[in-house]
């Protein structure tokens, strides 16, 4: 890991600004709960009916996977997750995509238009024996979900040689671990470094990484 950190320093990603910009998900939204009506709302951290935890009279309920209810002191709002981008609950961002309810672990985009980048998602799977996570990625939010494996990452980004070269410096079972530098999944930090983006430390939802295959 020190080898990667030194490499990031040489690129100017760690500890200094660089050309380009990172659009990785930041946990700077003041409200811990609310609705993202559109992708643009999510990118710019605009919550509809946002509220902090334990705010009197406000509640967020998800009675079914694709429908949710937001209760305020004055009104009750019903939303279909197929019609809005997603929602934030207790500081964690979620969306309904590809038939799954997914936690958004973070993203990096190489331009303000979000037409190319790396998005990471986690599906929470519950059973009688406990819970587990299945991880997915896509190059843009609109793209089809791809099951997260190192082989599929390499295939999807086969033209991105800078990214692939950096991936070689990290063991595949560490790619979903949170970075000690930025607290985001390490693969997002690697993507930032490959494209010389400037990112900031951020607190992403804690999760138990599923090893890349």
N, C-alpha and C. Protein backbone atom coordinates (compact mmCIF):
# COMPACT_ATOMS: atom_id res chain seq x y z
N UNK A 1 0.83 -1.20 0.00
CA UNK A 1 0.00 0.00 0.00
C UNK A 1 0.87 1.26 0.00
N UNK A 2 2.04 1.19 0.65
CA UNK A 2 2.93 2.35 0.65
C UNK A 2 3.38 2.65 -0.78
N UNK A 3 3.59 1.60 -1.59
CA UNK A 3 3.99 1.78 -2.97
C UNK A 3 2.96 2.60 -3.73
N UNK A 4 1.68 2.30 -3.50
CA UNK A 4 0.62 3.06 -4.16
C UNK A 4 0.59 4.49 -3.65
N UNK A 5 0.75 4.67 -2.33
CA UNK A 5 0.69 6.01 -1.75
C UNK A 5 1.80 6.87 -2.32
N UNK A 6 3.01 6.30 -2.44
CA UNK A 6 4.13 7.04 -3.02
C UNK A 6 3.83 7.40 -4.47
N UNK A 7 3.23 6.47 -5.19
CA UNK A 7 2.88 6.72 -6.59
C UNK A 7 1.86 7.84 -6.69
N UNK A 8 0.89 7.86 -5.78
CA UNK A 8 -0.11 8.92 -5.78
C UNK A 8 0.53 10.27 -5.48
N UNK A 9 1.51 10.26 -4.59
CA UNK A 9 2.22 11.50 -4.29
C UNK A 9 2.96 12.03 -5.52
N UNK A 10 3.60 11.11 -6.26
CA UNK A 10 4.32 11.50 -7.46
C UNK A 10 3.37 12.09 -8.50
N UNK A 11 2.16 11.55 -8.56
CA UNK A 11 1.16 12.08 -9.49
C UNK A 11 0.62 13.43 -9.04
N UNK A 12 0.86 13.76 -7.76
CA UNK A 12 0.33 15.02 -7.24
C UNK A 12 -1.08 14.92 -6.75
N UNK A 13 -1.61 13.69 -6.59
CA UNK A 13 -2.99 13.54 -6.16
C UNK A 13 -3.11 13.69 -4.65
N UNK A 14 -2.18 13.14 -3.91
CA UNK A 14 -2.23 13.20 -2.46
C UNK A 14 -1.52 14.46 -1.98
N UNK A 15 -2.25 15.29 -1.25
CA UNK A 15 -1.64 16.44 -0.61
C UNK A 15 -1.58 17.69 -1.45
N UNK A 16 -2.06 17.66 -2.70
CA UNK A 16 -2.03 18.86 -3.52
C UNK A 16 -3.09 18.79 -4.59
N UNK A 17 -3.48 19.94 -5.10
CA UNK A 17 -4.46 19.99 -6.17
C UNK A 17 -3.79 19.63 -7.49
N UNK A 18 -4.57 19.12 -8.43
CA UNK A 18 -4.06 18.76 -9.74
C UNK A 18 -5.00 19.26 -10.81
N UNK A 19 -4.59 19.10 -12.05
CA UNK A 19 -5.49 19.40 -13.16
C UNK A 19 -6.68 18.47 -13.11
N UNK A 20 -7.84 18.99 -13.49
CA UNK A 20 -9.03 18.15 -13.44
C UNK A 20 -9.73 18.29 -12.11
N UNK A 21 -10.81 17.56 -11.98
CA UNK A 21 -11.61 17.66 -10.76
C UNK A 21 -12.26 16.33 -10.48
N UNK A 22 -12.41 16.03 -9.21
CA UNK A 22 -13.10 14.81 -8.82
C UNK A 22 -14.52 15.15 -8.43
N UNK A 23 -15.44 14.27 -8.81
CA UNK A 23 -16.84 14.43 -8.45
C UNK A 23 -17.27 13.27 -7.57
N UNK A 24 -16.33 12.72 -6.79
CA UNK A 24 -16.68 11.60 -5.91
C UNK A 24 -17.72 12.03 -4.91
N UNK A 25 -18.54 11.07 -4.51
CA UNK A 25 -19.62 11.36 -3.58
C UNK A 25 -19.06 11.89 -2.28
N UNK A 26 -19.59 13.00 -1.81
CA UNK A 26 -19.15 13.58 -0.56
C UNK A 26 -20.29 13.55 0.44
N UNK A 27 -19.93 13.30 1.69
CA UNK A 27 -20.94 13.22 2.74
C UNK A 27 -21.04 14.55 3.49
N UNK A 28 -21.23 15.63 2.72
CA UNK A 28 -21.28 16.95 3.32
C UNK A 28 -22.69 17.50 3.44
N UNK A 29 -23.67 16.72 3.00
CA UNK A 29 -25.05 17.17 3.11
C UNK A 29 -25.41 17.28 4.59
N UNK A 30 -25.99 18.43 4.98
CA UNK A 30 -26.26 18.64 6.40
C UNK A 30 -27.39 17.76 6.90
N UNK A 31 -28.41 17.52 6.03
CA UNK A 31 -29.52 16.68 6.45
C UNK A 31 -29.17 15.21 6.23
N UNK A 32 -29.56 14.37 7.19
CA UNK A 32 -29.24 12.94 7.11
C UNK A 32 -30.29 12.16 6.34
N UNK A 33 -31.44 12.80 6.04
CA UNK A 33 -32.55 12.10 5.40
C UNK A 33 -33.24 13.02 4.39
N UNK A 34 -33.82 12.41 3.37
CA UNK A 34 -34.57 13.19 2.39
C UNK A 34 -34.59 12.50 1.04
N UNK A 35 -35.14 13.20 0.02
CA UNK A 35 -35.34 12.63 -1.30
C UNK A 35 -34.48 13.36 -2.32
N UNK A 36 -33.82 12.60 -3.19
CA UNK A 36 -33.16 13.17 -4.37
C UNK A 36 -34.11 12.97 -5.55
N UNK A 37 -34.67 14.05 -6.07
CA UNK A 37 -35.62 13.91 -7.17
C UNK A 37 -34.92 13.55 -8.48
N UNK A 38 -33.73 14.07 -8.70
CA UNK A 38 -33.02 13.86 -9.96
C UNK A 38 -31.55 13.55 -9.71
N UNK A 39 -30.86 13.08 -10.75
CA UNK A 39 -29.42 12.88 -10.67
C UNK A 39 -28.71 14.18 -10.35
N UNK A 40 -29.17 15.27 -10.96
CA UNK A 40 -28.56 16.58 -10.69
C UNK A 40 -28.70 16.96 -9.22
N UNK A 41 -29.84 16.62 -8.61
CA UNK A 41 -30.01 16.88 -7.18
C UNK A 41 -28.98 16.11 -6.37
N UNK A 42 -28.74 14.86 -6.74
CA UNK A 42 -27.76 14.05 -6.03
C UNK A 42 -26.35 14.62 -6.19
N UNK A 43 -26.00 14.97 -7.42
CA UNK A 43 -24.66 15.50 -7.68
C UNK A 43 -24.41 16.76 -6.87
N UNK A 44 -25.44 17.60 -6.73
CA UNK A 44 -25.28 18.88 -6.04
C UNK A 44 -25.83 18.85 -4.62
N UNK A 45 -26.16 17.66 -4.13
CA UNK A 45 -26.56 17.48 -2.73
C UNK A 45 -27.80 18.28 -2.35
N UNK A 46 -28.79 18.26 -3.24
CA UNK A 46 -30.05 18.95 -2.96
C UNK A 46 -31.10 17.92 -2.55
N UNK A 47 -31.50 17.95 -1.32
CA UNK A 47 -32.51 17.04 -0.80
C UNK A 47 -33.87 17.73 -0.75
N UNK A 48 -34.90 17.04 -1.20
CA UNK A 48 -36.27 17.52 -1.04
C UNK A 48 -36.80 17.00 0.29
N UNK A 49 -37.40 17.91 1.07
CA UNK A 49 -37.90 17.56 2.41
C UNK A 49 -36.82 16.93 3.27
N UNK A 50 -35.62 17.49 3.19
CA UNK A 50 -34.51 16.97 3.99
C UNK A 50 -34.68 17.28 5.48
N UNK A 51 -34.21 16.38 6.31
CA UNK A 51 -34.29 16.60 7.76
C UNK A 51 -33.19 15.80 8.46
N UNK A 52 -32.79 16.29 9.61
CA UNK A 52 -31.77 15.63 10.41
C UNK A 52 -32.39 14.48 11.21
N UNK A 53 -31.52 13.59 11.67
CA UNK A 53 -32.01 12.49 12.50
C UNK A 53 -32.70 13.03 13.75
N UNK A 54 -33.73 12.34 14.17
CA UNK A 54 -34.46 12.67 15.41
C UNK A 54 -35.18 14.02 15.34
N UNK A 55 -35.43 14.53 14.12
CA UNK A 55 -36.22 15.75 14.00
C UNK A 55 -37.69 15.41 14.27
N UNK A 56 -38.29 16.09 15.20
CA UNK A 56 -39.64 15.77 15.62
C UNK A 56 -40.63 15.94 14.48
N UNK A 57 -41.46 14.93 14.28
CA UNK A 57 -42.51 14.98 13.28
C UNK A 57 -42.11 14.52 11.90
N UNK A 58 -40.83 14.21 11.69
CA UNK A 58 -40.35 13.75 10.38
C UNK A 58 -39.99 12.27 10.43
N UNK A 59 -40.46 11.53 9.43
CA UNK A 59 -40.16 10.09 9.36
C UNK A 59 -40.02 9.67 7.90
N UNK A 60 -39.13 8.73 7.66
CA UNK A 60 -38.94 8.16 6.33
C UNK A 60 -39.25 6.68 6.42
N UNK A 61 -40.19 6.21 5.60
CA UNK A 61 -40.61 4.82 5.65
C UNK A 61 -40.52 4.20 4.26
N UNK A 62 -40.07 2.97 4.20
CA UNK A 62 -39.97 2.24 2.93
C UNK A 62 -40.79 0.97 3.07
N UNK A 63 -42.10 1.03 2.82
CA UNK A 63 -42.94 -0.15 3.01
C UNK A 63 -42.69 -1.24 1.99
N UNK A 64 -42.30 -0.86 0.76
CA UNK A 64 -41.95 -1.82 -0.28
C UNK A 64 -40.68 -1.36 -0.95
N UNK A 65 -40.02 -2.27 -1.66
CA UNK A 65 -38.72 -1.94 -2.22
C UNK A 65 -38.74 -0.73 -3.14
N UNK A 66 -39.83 -0.55 -3.90
CA UNK A 66 -39.85 0.53 -4.87
C UNK A 66 -40.70 1.72 -4.45
N UNK A 67 -41.31 1.67 -3.29
CA UNK A 67 -42.14 2.77 -2.83
C UNK A 67 -41.72 3.20 -1.43
N UNK A 68 -41.79 4.50 -1.21
CA UNK A 68 -41.43 5.01 0.11
C UNK A 68 -42.37 6.14 0.50
N UNK A 69 -42.39 6.41 1.78
CA UNK A 69 -43.26 7.43 2.34
C UNK A 69 -42.44 8.36 3.22
N UNK A 70 -42.60 9.65 3.01
CA UNK A 70 -41.92 10.65 3.84
C UNK A 70 -42.99 11.45 4.57
N UNK A 71 -42.93 11.44 5.88
CA UNK A 71 -43.93 12.09 6.73
C UNK A 71 -43.32 13.33 7.36
N UNK A 72 -43.99 14.46 7.21
CA UNK A 72 -43.58 15.71 7.84
C UNK A 72 -44.70 16.15 8.78
N UNK A 73 -44.46 17.15 9.61
CA UNK A 73 -45.53 17.61 10.51
C UNK A 73 -46.78 18.08 9.77
N UNK A 74 -46.63 18.51 8.51
CA UNK A 74 -47.76 19.07 7.77
C UNK A 74 -48.36 18.13 6.73
N UNK A 75 -47.53 17.23 6.17
CA UNK A 75 -48.00 16.44 5.04
C UNK A 75 -47.35 15.06 5.02
N UNK A 76 -47.91 14.19 4.19
CA UNK A 76 -47.32 12.87 3.92
C UNK A 76 -47.10 12.77 2.42
N UNK A 77 -45.87 12.41 2.03
CA UNK A 77 -45.50 12.33 0.62
C UNK A 77 -45.19 10.88 0.26
N UNK A 78 -45.76 10.43 -0.85
CA UNK A 78 -45.50 9.08 -1.35
C UNK A 78 -44.67 9.16 -2.63
N UNK A 79 -43.62 8.37 -2.68
CA UNK A 79 -42.72 8.39 -3.83
C UNK A 79 -42.53 6.98 -4.38
N UNK A 80 -42.43 6.89 -5.68
CA UNK A 80 -41.99 5.66 -6.33
C UNK A 80 -40.52 5.83 -6.67
N UNK A 81 -39.69 4.89 -6.24
CA UNK A 81 -38.27 4.99 -6.52
C UNK A 81 -37.96 4.81 -8.00
N UNK A 82 -38.94 4.40 -8.77
CA UNK A 82 -38.76 4.32 -10.22
C UNK A 82 -38.94 5.68 -10.88
N UNK A 83 -39.47 6.65 -10.13
CA UNK A 83 -39.73 7.98 -10.67
C UNK A 83 -38.79 9.05 -10.14
N UNK A 84 -38.03 8.76 -9.09
CA UNK A 84 -37.07 9.71 -8.53
C UNK A 84 -35.68 9.08 -8.56
N UNK A 85 -34.66 9.90 -8.36
CA UNK A 85 -33.30 9.35 -8.39
C UNK A 85 -33.06 8.41 -7.22
N UNK A 86 -33.42 8.85 -6.01
CA UNK A 86 -33.15 8.03 -4.84
C UNK A 86 -33.44 8.78 -3.56
N UNK A 87 -32.81 8.36 -2.50
CA UNK A 87 -33.07 8.99 -1.21
C UNK A 87 -31.86 8.82 -0.30
N UNK A 88 -31.88 9.59 0.78
CA UNK A 88 -30.85 9.49 1.83
C UNK A 88 -31.53 9.10 3.12
N UNK A 89 -30.99 8.10 3.79
CA UNK A 89 -31.53 7.65 5.07
C UNK A 89 -30.39 7.48 6.06
N UNK A 90 -30.46 8.21 7.16
CA UNK A 90 -29.44 8.13 8.20
C UNK A 90 -28.04 8.36 7.63
N UNK A 91 -27.92 9.30 6.70
CA UNK A 91 -26.63 9.67 6.15
C UNK A 91 -26.11 8.78 5.05
N UNK A 92 -26.89 7.80 4.61
CA UNK A 92 -26.47 6.88 3.55
C UNK A 92 -27.37 7.08 2.34
N UNK A 93 -26.77 7.13 1.15
CA UNK A 93 -27.52 7.38 -0.08
C UNK A 93 -27.89 6.08 -0.77
N UNK A 94 -29.15 6.03 -1.27
CA UNK A 94 -29.68 4.84 -1.92
C UNK A 94 -30.36 5.21 -3.22
N UNK A 95 -30.44 4.24 -4.14
CA UNK A 95 -31.19 4.43 -5.37
C UNK A 95 -31.78 3.08 -5.78
N UNK A 96 -32.76 3.14 -6.67
CA UNK A 96 -33.36 1.92 -7.23
C UNK A 96 -32.90 1.85 -8.67
N UNK A 97 -32.13 0.82 -9.00
CA UNK A 97 -31.50 0.74 -10.31
C UNK A 97 -31.35 -0.72 -10.72
N UNK A 98 -31.70 -1.00 -11.96
CA UNK A 98 -31.54 -2.37 -12.46
C UNK A 98 -32.38 -3.39 -11.72
N UNK A 99 -33.48 -2.95 -11.12
CA UNK A 99 -34.33 -3.86 -10.36
C UNK A 99 -33.87 -4.11 -8.94
N UNK A 100 -32.85 -3.37 -8.50
CA UNK A 100 -32.31 -3.56 -7.15
C UNK A 100 -32.37 -2.26 -6.36
N UNK A 101 -32.53 -2.39 -5.05
CA UNK A 101 -32.34 -1.27 -4.14
C UNK A 101 -30.87 -1.27 -3.75
N UNK A 102 -30.16 -0.20 -4.09
CA UNK A 102 -28.70 -0.18 -3.96
C UNK A 102 -28.21 0.98 -3.11
N UNK A 103 -27.22 0.70 -2.29
CA UNK A 103 -26.47 1.75 -1.60
C UNK A 103 -25.45 2.31 -2.58
N UNK A 104 -25.35 3.64 -2.65
CA UNK A 104 -24.35 4.27 -3.51
C UNK A 104 -23.08 4.47 -2.70
N UNK A 105 -22.04 3.71 -3.03
CA UNK A 105 -20.80 3.78 -2.27
C UNK A 105 -19.97 4.99 -2.66
N UNK A 106 -20.12 5.45 -3.90
CA UNK A 106 -19.37 6.62 -4.34
C UNK A 106 -19.20 6.61 -5.85
N UNK A 107 -18.64 7.68 -6.36
CA UNK A 107 -18.40 7.73 -7.80
C UNK A 107 -17.27 8.71 -8.08
N UNK A 108 -16.64 8.56 -9.22
CA UNK A 108 -15.67 9.50 -9.75
C UNK A 108 -16.06 9.77 -11.20
N UNK A 109 -16.01 11.02 -11.61
CA UNK A 109 -16.31 11.38 -12.99
C UNK A 109 -15.18 12.24 -13.53
N UNK A 110 -14.86 12.07 -14.78
CA UNK A 110 -13.73 12.78 -15.37
C UNK A 110 -14.12 14.12 -15.97
N UNK A 111 -15.43 14.46 -15.91
CA UNK A 111 -15.87 15.76 -16.41
C UNK A 111 -17.13 16.17 -15.66
N UNK A 112 -17.45 17.47 -15.67
CA UNK A 112 -18.67 17.93 -14.99
C UNK A 112 -19.94 17.36 -15.60
N UNK A 113 -19.85 16.80 -16.80
CA UNK A 113 -21.03 16.29 -17.49
C UNK A 113 -21.32 14.82 -17.15
N UNK A 114 -20.43 14.19 -16.37
CA UNK A 114 -20.65 12.83 -15.88
C UNK A 114 -20.88 11.83 -17.02
N UNK A 115 -20.22 12.08 -18.16
CA UNK A 115 -20.40 11.16 -19.28
C UNK A 115 -19.36 10.04 -19.28
N UNK A 116 -18.49 10.02 -18.31
CA UNK A 116 -17.52 8.94 -18.19
C UNK A 116 -16.98 8.92 -16.77
N UNK A 117 -16.83 7.76 -16.19
CA UNK A 117 -16.30 7.68 -14.84
C UNK A 117 -16.44 6.30 -14.26
N UNK A 118 -16.63 6.24 -12.95
CA UNK A 118 -16.76 4.97 -12.24
C UNK A 118 -17.71 5.16 -11.07
N UNK A 119 -18.82 4.43 -11.09
CA UNK A 119 -19.79 4.42 -10.01
C UNK A 119 -19.73 3.07 -9.31
N UNK A 120 -19.84 3.08 -7.98
CA UNK A 120 -19.85 1.84 -7.19
C UNK A 120 -21.14 1.74 -6.40
N UNK A 121 -21.73 0.54 -6.40
CA UNK A 121 -22.99 0.28 -5.71
C UNK A 121 -22.88 -1.01 -4.88
N UNK A 122 -23.70 -1.08 -3.85
CA UNK A 122 -23.76 -2.30 -3.03
C UNK A 122 -25.21 -2.70 -2.82
N UNK A 123 -25.52 -3.96 -3.11
CA UNK A 123 -26.85 -4.51 -2.81
C UNK A 123 -26.74 -5.29 -1.51
N UNK A 124 -27.60 -4.96 -0.56
CA UNK A 124 -27.61 -5.65 0.73
C UNK A 124 -28.51 -6.88 0.62
N UNK A 125 -27.96 -8.04 0.87
CA UNK A 125 -28.70 -9.30 0.78
C UNK A 125 -28.91 -9.86 2.17
N UNK A 126 -30.17 -10.11 2.53
CA UNK A 126 -30.48 -10.65 3.85
C UNK A 126 -31.00 -12.07 3.73
N UNK A 127 -30.65 -12.90 4.69
CA UNK A 127 -31.14 -14.27 4.74
C UNK A 127 -31.28 -14.69 6.19
N UNK A 128 -31.74 -15.91 6.41
CA UNK A 128 -31.91 -16.41 7.78
C UNK A 128 -30.56 -16.53 8.51
N UNK A 129 -29.49 -16.63 7.75
CA UNK A 129 -28.17 -16.81 8.36
C UNK A 129 -27.41 -15.51 8.54
N UNK A 130 -27.99 -14.40 8.07
CA UNK A 130 -27.30 -13.12 8.22
C UNK A 130 -27.43 -12.28 6.97
N UNK A 131 -26.49 -11.37 6.79
CA UNK A 131 -26.52 -10.47 5.63
C UNK A 131 -25.18 -10.49 4.91
N UNK A 132 -25.23 -10.11 3.65
CA UNK A 132 -24.02 -10.02 2.85
C UNK A 132 -24.19 -8.90 1.85
N UNK A 133 -23.16 -8.62 1.08
CA UNK A 133 -23.21 -7.54 0.10
C UNK A 133 -22.81 -8.07 -1.27
N UNK A 134 -23.50 -7.61 -2.29
CA UNK A 134 -23.11 -7.88 -3.67
C UNK A 134 -22.78 -6.53 -4.30
N UNK A 135 -21.63 -6.45 -4.93
CA UNK A 135 -21.15 -5.17 -5.44
C UNK A 135 -21.28 -5.09 -6.96
N UNK A 136 -21.61 -3.87 -7.42
CA UNK A 136 -21.77 -3.60 -8.84
C UNK A 136 -21.04 -2.30 -9.18
N UNK A 137 -20.77 -2.12 -10.47
CA UNK A 137 -20.22 -0.85 -10.93
C UNK A 137 -20.84 -0.50 -12.27
N UNK A 138 -20.69 0.76 -12.66
CA UNK A 138 -21.06 1.21 -14.00
C UNK A 138 -20.19 2.41 -14.33
N UNK A 139 -20.06 2.71 -15.62
CA UNK A 139 -19.20 3.81 -16.04
C UNK A 139 -19.91 5.16 -15.93
N UNK A 140 -21.23 5.15 -16.06
CA UNK A 140 -22.06 6.32 -15.76
C UNK A 140 -23.25 5.80 -14.97
N UNK A 141 -24.00 6.72 -14.37
CA UNK A 141 -25.14 6.26 -13.60
C UNK A 141 -26.18 5.61 -14.50
N UNK A 142 -26.31 6.09 -15.73
CA UNK A 142 -27.33 5.56 -16.63
C UNK A 142 -26.96 4.20 -17.22
N UNK A 143 -25.69 3.84 -17.19
CA UNK A 143 -25.26 2.57 -17.77
C UNK A 143 -25.80 1.37 -17.01
N UNK A 144 -25.82 0.24 -17.68
CA UNK A 144 -26.26 -1.01 -17.06
C UNK A 144 -25.30 -1.43 -15.95
N UNK A 145 -25.85 -1.97 -14.87
CA UNK A 145 -25.03 -2.47 -13.77
C UNK A 145 -24.17 -3.65 -14.23
N UNK A 146 -22.93 -3.68 -13.74
CA UNK A 146 -22.03 -4.80 -14.00
C UNK A 146 -21.56 -5.35 -12.66
N UNK A 147 -21.64 -6.65 -12.51
CA UNK A 147 -21.19 -7.30 -11.28
C UNK A 147 -19.71 -7.01 -11.08
N UNK A 148 -19.33 -6.61 -9.86
CA UNK A 148 -17.96 -6.18 -9.61
C UNK A 148 -17.01 -7.37 -9.47
N UNK A 149 -16.13 -7.52 -10.45
CA UNK A 149 -14.98 -8.42 -10.36
C UNK A 149 -13.83 -7.70 -11.04
N UNK A 150 -12.62 -8.07 -10.71
CA UNK A 150 -11.46 -7.44 -11.33
C UNK A 150 -11.46 -7.70 -12.83
N UNK A 151 -11.84 -8.90 -13.23
CA UNK A 151 -11.88 -9.24 -14.65
C UNK A 151 -12.84 -8.34 -15.40
N UNK A 152 -14.01 -8.09 -14.83
CA UNK A 152 -15.00 -7.25 -15.50
C UNK A 152 -14.58 -5.77 -15.50
N UNK A 153 -13.90 -5.34 -14.44
CA UNK A 153 -13.35 -3.98 -14.41
C UNK A 153 -12.35 -3.80 -15.55
N UNK A 154 -11.45 -4.76 -15.69
CA UNK A 154 -10.44 -4.67 -16.75
C UNK A 154 -11.07 -4.67 -18.13
N UNK A 155 -12.13 -5.44 -18.31
CA UNK A 155 -12.82 -5.49 -19.59
C UNK A 155 -13.50 -4.16 -19.89
N UNK A 156 -14.19 -3.61 -18.90
CA UNK A 156 -14.93 -2.36 -19.10
C UNK A 156 -14.00 -1.19 -19.38
N UNK A 157 -12.80 -1.22 -18.80
CA UNK A 157 -11.86 -0.10 -18.94
C UNK A 157 -10.62 -0.51 -19.73
N UNK A 158 -10.80 -1.40 -20.69
CA UNK A 158 -9.66 -1.93 -21.42
C UNK A 158 -8.93 -0.86 -22.24
N UNK A 159 -9.58 0.26 -22.54
CA UNK A 159 -8.93 1.35 -23.26
C UNK A 159 -8.29 2.37 -22.32
N UNK A 160 -8.50 2.20 -21.01
CA UNK A 160 -7.99 3.15 -20.02
C UNK A 160 -6.69 2.60 -19.42
N UNK A 161 -5.60 2.74 -20.16
CA UNK A 161 -4.35 2.10 -19.77
C UNK A 161 -3.78 2.68 -18.48
N UNK A 162 -3.96 3.97 -18.27
CA UNK A 162 -3.45 4.58 -17.04
C UNK A 162 -4.11 3.97 -15.81
N UNK A 163 -5.41 3.75 -15.89
CA UNK A 163 -6.16 3.13 -14.79
C UNK A 163 -5.71 1.68 -14.59
N UNK A 164 -5.58 0.93 -15.67
CA UNK A 164 -5.17 -0.47 -15.58
C UNK A 164 -3.76 -0.60 -15.01
N UNK A 165 -2.88 0.32 -15.36
CA UNK A 165 -1.52 0.26 -14.83
C UNK A 165 -1.49 0.44 -13.32
N UNK A 166 -2.31 1.35 -12.81
CA UNK A 166 -2.37 1.56 -11.37
C UNK A 166 -3.02 0.39 -10.65
N UNK A 167 -4.00 -0.23 -11.28
CA UNK A 167 -4.66 -1.39 -10.67
C UNK A 167 -3.67 -2.50 -10.36
N UNK A 168 -2.62 -2.61 -11.17
CA UNK A 168 -1.63 -3.66 -10.98
C UNK A 168 -0.86 -3.50 -9.67
N UNK A 169 -0.89 -2.30 -9.09
CA UNK A 169 -0.13 -2.04 -7.87
C UNK A 169 -0.85 -2.50 -6.61
N UNK A 170 -2.12 -2.90 -6.75
CA UNK A 170 -2.94 -3.24 -5.57
C UNK A 170 -3.49 -4.66 -5.71
N UNK A 171 -3.45 -5.39 -4.61
CA UNK A 171 -4.04 -6.73 -4.61
C UNK A 171 -5.54 -6.63 -4.84
N UNK A 172 -6.08 -7.56 -5.63
CA UNK A 172 -7.48 -7.46 -6.01
C UNK A 172 -8.43 -7.55 -4.82
N UNK A 173 -8.00 -8.22 -3.73
CA UNK A 173 -8.90 -8.32 -2.58
C UNK A 173 -8.87 -7.07 -1.70
N UNK A 174 -8.16 -6.02 -2.15
CA UNK A 174 -8.15 -4.76 -1.41
C UNK A 174 -8.92 -3.66 -2.12
N UNK A 175 -9.38 -3.89 -3.32
CA UNK A 175 -9.95 -2.82 -4.14
C UNK A 175 -11.20 -2.18 -3.54
N UNK A 176 -11.96 -2.95 -2.76
CA UNK A 176 -13.18 -2.41 -2.17
C UNK A 176 -12.98 -1.94 -0.73
N UNK A 177 -11.77 -2.10 -0.21
CA UNK A 177 -11.47 -1.58 1.13
C UNK A 177 -11.48 -0.05 1.08
N UNK A 178 -11.85 0.57 2.18
CA UNK A 178 -11.82 2.02 2.24
C UNK A 178 -10.38 2.51 2.38
N UNK A 179 -10.03 3.50 1.60
CA UNK A 179 -8.68 4.07 1.63
C UNK A 179 -8.43 4.81 2.93
N UNK A 180 -7.23 4.68 3.46
CA UNK A 180 -6.87 5.43 4.67
C UNK A 180 -6.66 6.91 4.36
N UNK A 181 -6.47 7.26 3.09
CA UNK A 181 -6.27 8.66 2.71
C UNK A 181 -7.59 9.40 2.55
N UNK A 182 -8.54 8.80 1.88
CA UNK A 182 -9.77 9.51 1.51
C UNK A 182 -11.03 8.91 2.11
N UNK A 183 -10.92 7.74 2.74
CA UNK A 183 -12.08 7.03 3.31
C UNK A 183 -13.08 6.59 2.25
N UNK A 184 -12.70 6.62 0.99
CA UNK A 184 -13.54 6.10 -0.08
C UNK A 184 -12.97 4.76 -0.53
N UNK A 185 -13.78 3.91 -1.19
CA UNK A 185 -13.25 2.64 -1.69
C UNK A 185 -11.98 2.87 -2.50
N UNK A 186 -10.98 2.05 -2.25
CA UNK A 186 -9.66 2.26 -2.82
C UNK A 186 -9.68 2.35 -4.34
N UNK A 187 -10.56 1.59 -4.99
CA UNK A 187 -10.59 1.62 -6.44
C UNK A 187 -10.98 3.01 -6.97
N UNK A 188 -11.78 3.76 -6.22
CA UNK A 188 -12.12 5.12 -6.64
C UNK A 188 -10.91 6.04 -6.52
N UNK A 189 -10.12 5.83 -5.49
CA UNK A 189 -8.89 6.61 -5.33
C UNK A 189 -7.92 6.31 -6.48
N UNK A 190 -7.85 5.05 -6.87
CA UNK A 190 -6.99 4.66 -7.99
C UNK A 190 -7.47 5.32 -9.28
N UNK A 191 -8.78 5.32 -9.50
CA UNK A 191 -9.33 5.96 -10.69
C UNK A 191 -9.01 7.45 -10.70
N UNK A 192 -9.11 8.10 -9.54
CA UNK A 192 -8.76 9.51 -9.44
C UNK A 192 -7.32 9.74 -9.81
N UNK A 193 -6.44 8.88 -9.28
CA UNK A 193 -5.02 9.03 -9.55
C UNK A 193 -4.71 8.85 -11.03
N UNK A 194 -5.36 7.87 -11.64
CA UNK A 194 -5.11 7.58 -13.05
C UNK A 194 -5.47 8.76 -13.94
N UNK A 195 -6.51 9.52 -13.53
CA UNK A 195 -6.96 10.65 -14.34
C UNK A 195 -6.55 11.99 -13.75
N UNK A 196 -5.69 11.92 -12.73
CA UNK A 196 -5.15 13.13 -12.11
C UNK A 196 -6.26 14.07 -11.66
N UNK A 197 -7.27 13.47 -11.04
CA UNK A 197 -8.36 14.26 -10.48
C UNK A 197 -7.95 14.73 -9.10
N UNK A 198 -8.59 15.77 -8.63
CA UNK A 198 -8.34 16.27 -7.28
C UNK A 198 -9.51 15.89 -6.40
N UNK A 199 -9.28 15.03 -5.41
CA UNK A 199 -10.38 14.63 -4.54
C UNK A 199 -10.10 15.04 -3.10
N UNK A 200 -11.14 15.06 -2.30
CA UNK A 200 -11.06 15.46 -0.90
C UNK A 200 -11.43 14.27 -0.02
N UNK A 201 -10.88 14.25 1.18
CA UNK A 201 -11.27 13.20 2.11
C UNK A 201 -12.77 13.26 2.33
N UNK A 202 -13.38 12.11 2.47
CA UNK A 202 -14.82 12.05 2.61
C UNK A 202 -15.18 10.82 3.44
N UNK A 203 -16.29 10.89 4.12
CA UNK A 203 -16.75 9.77 4.93
C UNK A 203 -17.83 9.03 4.17
N UNK A 204 -17.50 7.85 3.67
CA UNK A 204 -18.46 7.02 2.96
C UNK A 204 -19.09 6.04 3.93
N UNK A 205 -20.26 5.52 3.61
CA UNK A 205 -20.89 4.54 4.49
C UNK A 205 -19.98 3.35 4.74
N UNK A 206 -19.90 2.90 5.98
CA UNK A 206 -19.09 1.74 6.30
C UNK A 206 -19.75 0.50 5.72
N UNK A 207 -18.93 -0.44 5.27
CA UNK A 207 -19.45 -1.67 4.71
C UNK A 207 -18.39 -2.75 4.83
N UNK A 208 -18.83 -3.98 4.74
CA UNK A 208 -17.90 -5.10 4.76
C UNK A 208 -17.58 -5.48 3.33
N UNK A 209 -16.33 -5.23 2.89
CA UNK A 209 -16.03 -5.44 1.48
C UNK A 209 -16.19 -6.90 1.07
N UNK A 210 -16.69 -7.08 -0.14
CA UNK A 210 -16.74 -8.40 -0.77
C UNK A 210 -15.54 -8.48 -1.69
N UNK A 211 -14.75 -9.51 -1.55
CA UNK A 211 -13.50 -9.59 -2.27
C UNK A 211 -13.71 -9.66 -3.78
N UNK A 212 -12.96 -8.82 -4.50
CA UNK A 212 -13.03 -8.86 -5.96
C UNK A 212 -12.49 -10.20 -6.45
N UNK A 213 -13.11 -10.73 -7.49
CA UNK A 213 -12.74 -12.04 -8.02
C UNK A 213 -11.99 -11.91 -9.34
